[in-house]
Amino acid sequence: MDRPTMRDVADRAGVSPKTVSNVVRGWPAVRPDTEVRVRAALNELGYRMNQSSKMLRTGQTGIIALAVPWLDSPYFAELTSAIVRRAEAVNLTVMVEQTDGIAERERKVLRGLIDAPIDGLIFSPYALGSDELPADLRGPTVLLGERVGASNWDHLAIDNVAAALEVTTHLLKLGRKRIAAIGHQDIAGAENARLRARGYQLALRAAGFTPDPALQMTVDAFERAHGASAMRRLLDSGIPFDAVFCFSDLLALGAMHEAQQAGIRVPNDIAIAGFDDIEEGRYANPPLTTIRPAKDEIATLALELLIERIEDNTRPAQAPVPGYELMIRASTSRD
């Protein structure tokens, strides 16, 4: 008996081959009753995806690359884990590259895409600005992180402005009136920092406050030590403030440690909020209020976009916006 095809399964289940493909890949867009019907047809016919024949037929390897700035960053570690798990569920192997946020290494990743034995790339640049990203690539690529003007790429980014506005508004609603910000950056690729700064400033202006430049701290990196250093500068300035919005959880954890070392009570004296919802922040003392990007949704969308791009590298670029959630914890609440 000939090996059953995806078309055979679709005919048995009364659906399209695309729906069968979505079920086989594990995409969540299929209705539960339809998925039950398709899985029953898969079992009845004994369908199994033949990766070897697919590779021979299409020239695809079943391997994709993921390039991120730092694997020791909890946010990127958690996101990488989500992407690897999701890829494994759809029979893809992920080759992970660390660029250390260095522009030349990011360029090397893009150059290597042309000849590497991979089907596509999920890429999170840090150092390269939008004007340094090539308009077109020969290989299928999905960009992670906000890159204003990168309209020729499939890319994913949460709404950083809206998220920063929401967490700053939360602090304002608690009665905090002198809200500092830690996380401004001057480097070319720091779009996320600039957008989070914009959301912070918009929230202050909407509440009738003028953003005070003296309360906006610039950092070289989103790391604990830089958050601690920025908090020390704020404290040494003598300028009063009663809350701090940090543009990453690592910055917030460093800032909170420095404040507590100085005898400042969090949140009684100063409320502190972060961004990223890394696991470490949930177990901080006190637990950290933060923005939780939908990492699993980002992983799923990135793989969906990449597989679509592998199958059709001529289709128009897409830029879906994953969700986020404000997680209110004890670092901002006096209760």
Protein backbone atom coordinates (compact mmCIF):
# COMPACT_ATOMS: atom_id res chain seq x y z
CA MET A 1 0.00 0.00 0.00
CA ASP A 2 1.29 3.45 -0.90
CA ARG A 3 2.31 5.70 1.97
CA PRO A 4 -0.66 7.96 2.88
CA THR A 5 -0.23 11.61 1.90
CA MET A 6 -1.42 14.81 3.54
CA ARG A 7 -4.06 15.01 0.77
CA ASP A 8 -5.35 11.55 1.77
CA VAL A 9 -5.69 12.70 5.38
CA ALA A 10 -7.43 15.91 4.30
CA ASP A 11 -9.94 13.94 2.20
CA ARG A 12 -10.65 11.54 5.06
CA ALA A 13 -11.17 14.38 7.57
CA GLY A 14 -13.07 16.63 5.15
CA VAL A 15 -10.65 19.53 5.52
CA SER A 16 -7.97 21.24 3.44
CA PRO A 17 -4.37 19.98 3.27
CA LYS A 18 -3.34 23.30 4.89
CA THR A 19 -5.46 22.44 7.94
CA VAL A 20 -3.82 19.03 8.15
CA SER A 21 -0.43 20.72 7.92
CA ASN A 22 -1.36 23.05 10.78
CA VAL A 23 -2.38 20.11 12.97
CA VAL A 24 0.78 18.14 12.16
CA ARG A 25 2.92 21.17 13.00
CA GLY A 26 1.01 21.87 16.18
CA TRP A 27 -0.12 25.36 15.29
CA PRO A 28 -2.87 26.57 17.66
CA ALA A 29 -5.10 28.14 14.98
CA VAL A 30 -7.16 24.96 14.36
CA ARG A 31 -10.57 24.60 16.04
CA PRO A 32 -10.59 21.85 18.68
CA ASP A 33 -13.33 19.80 16.96
CA THR A 34 -11.48 20.04 13.64
CA GLU A 35 -8.22 18.98 15.27
CA VAL A 36 -9.93 15.91 16.78
CA ARG A 37 -11.24 14.94 13.33
CA VAL A 38 -7.86 15.43 11.66
CA ARG A 39 -5.99 13.47 14.34
CA ALA A 40 -8.46 10.63 14.00
CA ALA A 41 -7.79 10.55 10.23
CA LEU A 42 -4.03 10.66 10.85
CA ASN A 43 -4.29 7.63 13.13
CA GLU A 44 -6.66 5.71 10.85
CA LEU A 45 -4.38 6.13 7.84
CA GLY A 46 -1.14 5.77 9.80
CA TYR A 47 0.22 9.03 8.39
CA ARG A 48 3.76 9.95 9.36
CA MET A 49 5.66 12.96 8.03
CA ASN A 50 8.53 11.67 5.88
CA GLN A 51 11.34 14.11 6.61
CA SER A 52 13.88 12.35 4.37
CA SER A 53 11.71 12.44 1.26
CA LYS A 54 10.77 16.03 2.00
CA MET A 55 14.45 17.00 2.19
CA LEU A 56 15.17 15.27 -1.11
CA ARG A 57 12.16 16.86 -2.76
CA THR A 58 12.62 20.41 -1.46
CA GLY A 59 16.30 20.66 -0.63
CA GLN A 60 15.42 21.62 2.94
CA THR A 61 17.55 20.38 5.82
CA GLY A 62 15.07 20.59 8.69
CA ILE A 63 17.57 22.87 10.48
CA ILE A 64 17.03 26.53 11.31
CA ALA A 65 19.31 29.03 13.06
CA LEU A 66 18.50 31.31 15.98
CA ALA A 67 20.83 34.24 16.63
CA VAL A 68 20.47 36.22 19.88
CA PRO A 69 22.76 38.73 21.59
CA TRP A 70 23.36 36.89 24.88
CA LEU A 71 22.49 33.41 26.04
CA ASP A 72 23.32 34.32 29.63
CA SER A 73 20.58 36.98 29.59
CA PRO A 74 17.57 35.40 31.32
CA TYR A 75 15.14 36.94 28.84
CA PHE A 76 16.96 35.53 25.79
CA ALA A 77 17.59 32.23 27.55
CA GLU A 78 13.87 31.83 28.25
CA LEU A 79 12.93 32.90 24.72
CA THR A 80 15.51 30.53 23.19
CA SER A 81 14.12 27.68 25.27
CA ALA A 82 10.59 28.44 24.06
CA ILE A 83 11.68 28.53 20.41
CA VAL A 84 13.67 25.29 20.69
CA ARG A 85 10.73 23.48 22.33
CA ARG A 86 8.29 24.79 19.72
CA ALA A 87 10.63 23.87 16.84
CA GLU A 88 11.12 20.36 18.18
CA ALA A 89 7.34 19.89 18.17
CA VAL A 90 7.31 20.55 14.41
CA ASN A 91 10.38 18.41 13.64
CA LEU A 92 12.86 21.27 13.26
CA THR A 93 16.33 21.39 14.77
CA VAL A 94 17.59 24.76 16.02
CA MET A 95 21.22 25.83 15.72
CA VAL A 96 21.82 28.65 18.22
CA GLU A 97 24.30 31.50 17.65
CA GLN A 98 25.36 34.13 20.21
CA THR A 99 26.43 37.48 18.77
CA ASP A 100 27.32 39.23 22.07
CA GLY A 101 25.53 42.29 20.67
CA ILE A 102 28.54 43.08 18.47
CA ALA A 103 27.76 44.65 15.10
CA GLU A 104 30.38 42.71 13.12
CA ARG A 105 29.20 39.40 14.54
CA GLU A 106 25.64 40.29 13.62
CA ARG A 107 26.77 41.08 10.08
CA LYS A 108 28.60 37.74 9.99
CA VAL A 109 25.38 35.95 10.92
CA LEU A 110 23.59 37.64 8.02
CA ARG A 111 26.40 36.93 5.57
CA GLY A 112 26.61 33.31 6.69
CA LEU A 113 22.92 32.78 6.04
CA ILE A 114 23.55 32.69 2.29
CA ASP A 115 25.78 29.60 2.31
CA ALA A 116 24.93 27.89 5.61
CA PRO A 117 23.19 24.48 5.49
CA ILE A 118 20.05 25.83 7.16
CA ASP A 119 16.55 26.51 5.96
CA GLY A 120 16.12 29.88 7.64
CA LEU A 121 17.07 32.25 10.44
CA ILE A 122 15.33 33.80 13.45
CA PHE A 123 17.47 36.82 14.28
CA SER A 124 17.43 39.24 17.23
CA PRO A 125 19.89 42.05 16.41
CA TYR A 126 21.14 44.43 19.06
CA ALA A 127 23.96 46.54 17.64
CA LEU A 128 22.77 47.02 14.06
CA GLY A 129 20.41 49.90 13.43
CA SER A 130 17.53 49.73 10.97
CA ASP A 131 19.54 51.49 8.29
CA GLU A 132 22.25 48.82 8.56
CA LEU A 133 19.90 45.91 7.91
CA PRO A 134 19.88 44.83 4.25
CA ALA A 135 16.65 45.46 2.37
CA ASP A 136 16.54 41.86 1.16
CA LEU A 137 18.13 38.58 2.11
CA ARG A 138 18.49 35.48 -0.03
CA GLY A 139 17.60 33.24 2.87
CA PRO A 140 14.30 33.18 4.80
CA THR A 141 14.63 35.38 7.89
CA VAL A 142 12.41 36.53 10.75
CA LEU A 143 13.53 39.51 12.82
CA LEU A 144 12.83 39.71 16.56
CA GLY A 145 12.70 43.03 18.38
CA GLU A 146 11.56 46.47 17.31
CA ARG A 147 13.32 47.86 14.25
CA VAL A 148 11.61 50.99 12.96
CA GLY A 149 11.75 51.05 9.17
CA ALA A 150 12.57 47.36 8.73
CA SER A 151 9.49 46.88 6.56
CA ASN A 152 11.17 44.47 4.15
CA TRP A 153 11.58 41.88 6.89
CA ASP A 154 9.14 39.65 8.69
CA HIS A 155 9.50 40.89 12.24
CA LEU A 156 7.95 40.51 15.67
CA ALA A 157 7.91 42.97 18.54
CA ILE A 158 5.50 43.77 21.32
CA ASP A 159 4.22 47.33 21.54
CA ASN A 160 7.01 48.73 23.71
CA VAL A 161 5.50 52.21 23.86
CA ALA A 162 2.13 50.95 25.07
CA ALA A 163 3.73 48.57 27.58
CA ALA A 164 6.00 51.26 29.06
CA LEU A 165 3.08 53.69 29.20
CA GLU A 166 1.00 51.09 31.07
CA VAL A 167 3.58 50.29 33.72
CA THR A 168 4.34 54.01 34.27
CA THR A 169 0.62 54.74 34.54
CA HIS A 170 0.37 51.98 37.14
CA LEU A 171 3.00 53.78 39.23
CA LEU A 172 1.17 57.08 38.82
CA LYS A 173 -2.12 55.54 39.92
CA LEU A 174 -0.41 54.41 43.11
CA GLY A 175 0.19 58.08 43.90
CA ARG A 176 3.83 58.15 42.87
CA LYS A 177 4.62 61.59 41.47
CA ARG A 178 8.41 61.61 41.01
CA ILE A 179 9.06 58.61 38.80
CA ALA A 180 12.61 58.01 37.60
CA ALA A 181 13.57 55.87 34.61
CA ILE A 182 16.63 53.63 34.26
CA GLY A 183 17.49 52.29 30.81
CA HIS A 184 18.02 55.08 28.29
CA GLN A 185 20.67 54.14 25.72
CA ASP A 186 22.57 56.11 23.09
CA ILE A 187 23.77 53.24 20.87
CA ALA A 188 22.50 52.84 17.29
CA GLY A 189 20.41 49.71 17.70
CA ALA A 190 18.70 50.50 21.00
CA GLU A 191 15.18 50.88 19.57
CA ASN A 192 13.57 49.09 22.52
CA ALA A 193 15.12 51.52 25.00
CA ARG A 194 14.00 54.53 22.99
CA LEU A 195 10.45 53.21 22.65
CA ARG A 196 10.20 52.40 26.35
CA ALA A 197 11.47 55.88 27.14
CA ARG A 198 8.77 57.31 24.87
CA GLY A 199 6.04 55.36 26.64
CA TYR A 200 7.34 56.49 30.04
CA GLN A 201 7.37 60.13 28.97
CA LEU A 202 3.91 59.92 27.37
CA ALA A 203 2.45 58.56 30.61
CA LEU A 204 3.96 61.39 32.64
CA ARG A 205 2.72 64.05 30.26
CA ALA A 206 -0.77 62.50 30.16
CA ALA A 207 -0.86 62.82 33.95
CA GLY A 208 0.20 66.48 33.79
CA PHE A 209 3.87 65.99 34.72
CA THR A 210 6.89 67.21 32.78
CA PRO A 211 9.55 64.49 32.44
CA ASP A 212 12.63 65.55 34.41
CA PRO A 213 15.88 64.80 32.52
CA ALA A 214 17.68 64.51 35.86
CA LEU A 215 15.54 61.48 36.70
CA GLN A 216 16.25 59.65 33.42
CA MET A 217 19.35 57.48 33.74
CA THR A 218 21.37 56.28 30.75
CA VAL A 219 23.01 52.84 30.91
CA ASP A 220 25.48 51.01 28.70
CA ALA A 221 23.73 47.64 29.02
CA PHE A 222 20.59 46.08 30.49
CA GLU A 223 22.48 44.34 33.29
CA ARG A 224 22.22 44.19 37.09
CA ALA A 225 25.43 46.15 37.68
CA HIS A 226 24.27 48.99 35.43
CA GLY A 227 20.93 49.14 37.23
CA ALA A 228 22.73 49.32 40.58
CA SER A 229 25.07 52.03 39.31
CA ALA A 230 22.17 54.09 37.96
CA MET A 231 20.31 53.80 41.25
CA ARG A 232 23.44 54.96 43.11
CA ARG A 233 23.66 58.01 40.82
CA LEU A 234 20.01 58.82 41.52
CA LEU A 235 20.50 58.53 45.27
CA ASP A 236 23.71 60.58 45.23
CA SER A 237 22.04 63.34 43.20
CA GLY A 238 19.81 64.29 46.12
CA ILE A 239 16.88 64.79 43.74
CA PRO A 240 13.70 63.40 45.32
CA PHE A 241 11.93 60.47 43.63
CA ASP A 242 9.42 57.90 44.85
CA ALA A 243 9.38 55.31 42.05
CA VAL A 244 11.63 53.89 39.34
CA PHE A 245 10.66 52.28 36.05
CA CYS A 246 13.56 50.14 34.80
CA PHE A 247 13.61 49.14 31.12
CA SER A 248 14.55 45.54 31.99
CA ASP A 249 14.17 43.24 34.97
CA LEU A 250 17.95 42.89 35.31
CA LEU A 251 18.24 46.67 35.66
CA ALA A 252 15.42 46.60 38.19
CA LEU A 253 17.03 43.84 40.26
CA GLY A 254 20.31 45.75 40.39
CA ALA A 255 18.50 48.98 41.28
CA MET A 256 16.47 47.26 44.01
CA HIS A 257 19.60 45.70 45.53
CA GLU A 258 21.36 49.08 45.63
CA ALA A 259 18.33 50.79 47.17
CA GLN A 260 18.03 48.16 49.90
CA GLN A 261 21.76 48.37 50.61
CA ALA A 262 21.22 52.08 51.23
CA GLY A 263 18.48 51.34 53.76
CA ILE A 264 15.62 52.29 51.43
CA ARG A 265 12.47 50.22 51.75
CA VAL A 266 10.90 48.83 48.58
CA PRO A 267 8.08 49.66 47.95
CA ASN A 268 7.36 51.79 51.04
CA ASP A 269 9.94 54.44 50.18
CA ILE A 270 10.51 53.74 46.48
CA ALA A 271 8.40 51.56 44.16
CA ILE A 272 10.37 49.69 41.49
CA ALA A 273 9.07 48.10 38.28
CA GLY A 274 10.86 46.27 35.49
CA PHE A 275 10.29 44.83 32.04
CA ASP A 276 10.62 41.21 30.70
CA ASP A 277 9.19 39.05 33.53
CA ILE A 278 12.22 36.83 33.95
CA GLU A 279 11.90 34.04 36.49
CA GLU A 280 14.45 35.63 38.85
CA GLY A 281 12.19 38.66 39.27
CA ARG A 282 9.29 36.53 40.48
CA TYR A 283 11.41 35.28 43.38
CA ALA A 284 13.08 38.58 44.28
CA ASN A 285 12.42 40.15 47.67
CA PRO A 286 10.00 41.74 47.14
CA PRO A 287 8.73 40.09 43.93
CA LEU A 288 9.10 42.43 40.97
CA THR A 289 6.28 44.21 39.18
CA THR A 290 7.03 43.95 35.48
CA ILE A 291 5.82 43.70 31.91
CA ARG A 292 5.48 40.10 30.75
CA PRO A 293 6.01 39.77 26.98
CA ALA A 294 4.17 36.73 25.63
CA LYS A 295 7.32 34.66 25.04
CA ASP A 296 5.49 31.50 24.00
CA GLU A 297 3.43 33.52 21.51
CA ILE A 298 6.61 35.14 20.18
CA ALA A 299 8.18 31.69 19.73
CA THR A 300 5.12 30.31 17.96
CA LEU A 301 4.69 33.31 15.67
CA ALA A 302 8.39 33.38 14.81
CA LEU A 303 8.31 29.74 13.70
CA GLU A 304 5.05 30.17 11.81
CA LEU A 305 6.44 33.16 9.92
CA LEU A 306 9.73 31.41 9.21
CA ILE A 307 8.10 28.24 7.90
CA GLU A 308 5.78 30.31 5.70
CA ARG A 309 8.83 32.23 4.45
CA ILE A 310 10.72 28.98 3.76
CA GLU A 311 7.77 27.75 1.72
CA ASP A 312 7.32 31.06 -0.12
CA ASN A 313 10.19 33.55 0.07
CA THR A 314 8.39 35.98 -2.24
CA ARG A 315 5.35 36.75 -0.12
CA PRO A 316 4.98 40.26 1.42
CA ALA A 317 6.63 40.87 4.79
CA GLN A 318 4.46 40.50 7.88
CA ALA A 319 4.77 42.16 11.28
CA PRO A 320 2.32 40.66 13.80
CA VAL A 321 2.40 42.21 17.28
CA PRO A 322 2.59 39.70 20.15
CA GLY A 323 0.82 40.51 23.38
CA TYR A 324 2.08 41.48 26.81
CA GLU A 325 0.71 41.69 30.35
CA LEU A 326 1.41 43.96 33.31
CA MET A 327 2.29 41.72 36.27
CA ILE A 328 1.65 43.66 39.48
CA ARG A 329 3.69 42.35 42.41
CA ALA A 330 4.91 43.53 45.79
CA SER A 331 7.74 45.81 44.55
CA THR A 332 5.18 48.52 43.75
CA SER A 333 2.44 47.91 46.30
CA ARG A 334 2.54 49.10 49.91
CA ASP A 335 -0.19 46.63 50.88
